[in-house]
Protein backbone atom coordinates (compact mmCIF):
# COMPACT_ATOMS: atom_id res chain seq x y z
CA MET A 1 37.39 195.01 63.13
CA ARG A 2 37.45 192.17 65.79
CA SER A 3 37.13 188.76 64.71
CA LEU A 4 34.06 186.57 65.40
CA PHE A 5 36.07 184.56 68.02
CA ALA A 6 37.09 187.76 69.88
CA LYS A 7 33.48 188.95 69.72
CA SER A 8 31.96 185.83 71.26
CA PHE A 9 34.62 184.33 73.41
CA GLY A 10 36.13 187.46 74.44
CA GLY A 11 32.69 188.94 75.35
CA LEU A 12 32.91 188.20 79.11
CA SER A 13 35.38 190.26 81.24
CA GLY A 14 38.56 188.50 82.33
CA PRO A 15 37.80 188.42 86.10
CA VAL A 16 34.28 187.10 85.47
CA TYR A 17 35.54 184.33 83.00
CA LEU A 18 38.42 183.46 85.44
CA ARG A 19 36.11 183.10 88.51
CA HIS A 20 33.69 180.84 86.73
CA PHE A 21 36.58 178.98 84.96
CA ILE A 22 38.12 178.08 88.42
CA PHE A 23 34.73 176.68 89.60
CA GLY A 24 34.32 174.56 86.58
CA ALA A 25 38.07 173.55 86.95
CA VAL A 26 37.36 172.23 90.54
CA ILE A 27 34.32 170.22 89.26
CA ALA A 28 36.45 168.72 86.41
CA ALA A 29 39.35 168.00 88.72
CA LEU A 30 37.00 165.99 90.97
CA LEU A 31 35.35 164.16 88.22
CA ILE A 32 38.70 163.33 86.60
CA SER A 33 40.24 162.23 89.66
CA LEU A 34 37.37 159.97 90.29
CA SER A 35 37.70 158.55 86.83
CA LEU A 36 41.27 157.82 87.28
CA SER A 37 41.08 156.30 90.62
CA GLY A 38 40.77 152.50 91.11
CA ASN A 39 42.16 149.66 88.89
CA HIS A 40 40.35 150.41 85.62
CA LYS A 41 41.65 152.31 82.65
CA ALA A 42 41.06 156.09 82.16
CA ASN A 43 37.97 157.33 80.45
CA TYR A 44 39.47 159.57 77.82
CA GLY A 45 36.07 160.54 76.49
CA LEU A 46 35.01 161.67 79.97
CA ILE A 47 38.31 163.55 80.36
CA VAL A 48 37.75 165.43 77.03
CA PHE A 49 34.04 166.15 78.04
CA ALA A 50 35.32 167.45 81.30
CA LEU A 51 37.83 169.85 79.65
CA ILE A 52 35.34 171.12 77.11
CA ASN A 53 32.72 171.85 79.79
CA THR A 54 35.18 173.47 81.93
CA VAL A 55 36.06 175.88 79.13
CA LEU A 56 32.35 176.45 78.20
CA TYR A 57 31.13 176.73 81.73
CA PRO A 58 31.51 180.61 82.20
CA TYR A 59 29.41 181.05 79.10
CA ALA A 60 26.65 178.61 80.41
CA ARG A 61 26.76 180.44 83.65
CA PHE A 62 26.35 183.82 82.00
CA VAL A 63 23.15 182.38 80.31
CA TYR A 64 21.90 181.17 83.59
CA GLU A 65 22.61 184.47 85.29
CA SER A 66 21.09 186.49 82.51
CA VAL A 67 17.91 184.45 82.65
CA VAL A 68 17.55 184.44 86.51
CA GLY A 69 18.37 188.14 86.52
CA TYR A 70 15.59 188.88 84.06
CA ILE A 71 13.17 186.82 85.98
CA VAL A 72 13.99 187.88 89.45
CA GLY A 73 14.83 191.47 88.67
CA ASN A 74 16.03 193.72 91.65
CA ASN A 75 14.04 191.60 94.30
CA GLN A 76 15.71 190.21 97.37
CA PHE A 77 15.02 186.94 98.90
CA TYR A 78 15.63 185.97 102.48
CA PHE A 79 16.09 182.21 103.45
CA ASN A 80 18.28 179.75 105.20
CA ALA A 81 21.99 180.00 104.20
CA VAL A 82 22.27 176.11 103.99
CA ALA A 83 19.39 175.84 101.48
CA PHE A 84 20.89 178.70 99.49
CA LEU A 85 24.52 176.74 99.39
CA ILE A 86 22.75 173.70 98.26
CA ALA A 87 20.61 175.50 95.54
CA LYS A 88 24.02 177.20 94.53
CA TYR A 89 25.93 174.13 94.28
CA PHE A 90 23.18 172.42 92.36
CA THR A 91 23.00 175.25 89.86
CA ILE A 92 26.80 175.28 89.55
CA ALA A 93 26.73 171.57 88.88
CA MET A 94 23.97 171.72 86.36
CA CYS A 95 25.40 174.54 84.43
CA TRP A 96 28.69 172.79 84.27
CA ALA A 97 27.11 169.32 83.19
CA PHE A 98 25.14 171.09 80.49
CA ALA A 99 27.58 173.66 79.45
CA ILE A 100 28.23 172.13 76.06
CA PHE A 101 24.60 172.62 75.18
CA VAL A 102 23.95 176.01 77.01
CA ALA A 103 27.09 177.83 76.30
CA PRO A 104 26.43 178.22 72.57
CA VAL A 105 23.45 180.27 73.39
CA GLY A 106 25.52 182.61 75.49
CA LEU A 107 28.25 182.78 72.66
CA ILE A 108 25.70 183.56 69.88
CA TYR A 109 24.34 186.41 72.28
CA LEU A 110 27.76 187.83 72.97
CA LEU A 111 28.56 187.69 69.22
CA VAL A 112 25.29 189.46 68.45
CA ARG A 113 25.73 192.03 71.26
CA ASN A 114 29.35 192.85 70.52
CA SER A 115 28.82 193.00 66.76
CA ARG A 116 26.09 195.80 67.31
CA ASN A 117 28.26 197.67 69.68
CA PRO A 118 31.69 198.62 67.98
CA THR A 119 33.33 199.92 71.01
CA VAL A 120 33.32 196.56 72.70
């Protein structure tokens, strides 16, 4: 029997988690480097917040992609690539910034899904 931790935090596949973790780590690195630059003291609360959000970002992104996938379905949209990239960067930044609040929804969903499916 798998633990609650493995059923929730282990619910995403390794490559998916790693891909989103890298995106989150880039945001955290930029934010921490901005925090540490200059002549002022380091803001350790901001650093801890950045690290927590980086770890939780893949689960927040999972929630976002699940909701968007449910709403959009199999439809395809064609529009300007620049607008698409701006929207993509915006959604990445918003999912990262609110990961501490959104990720628990994804973790609970993964826990319930993996508890019902004993093969996962």
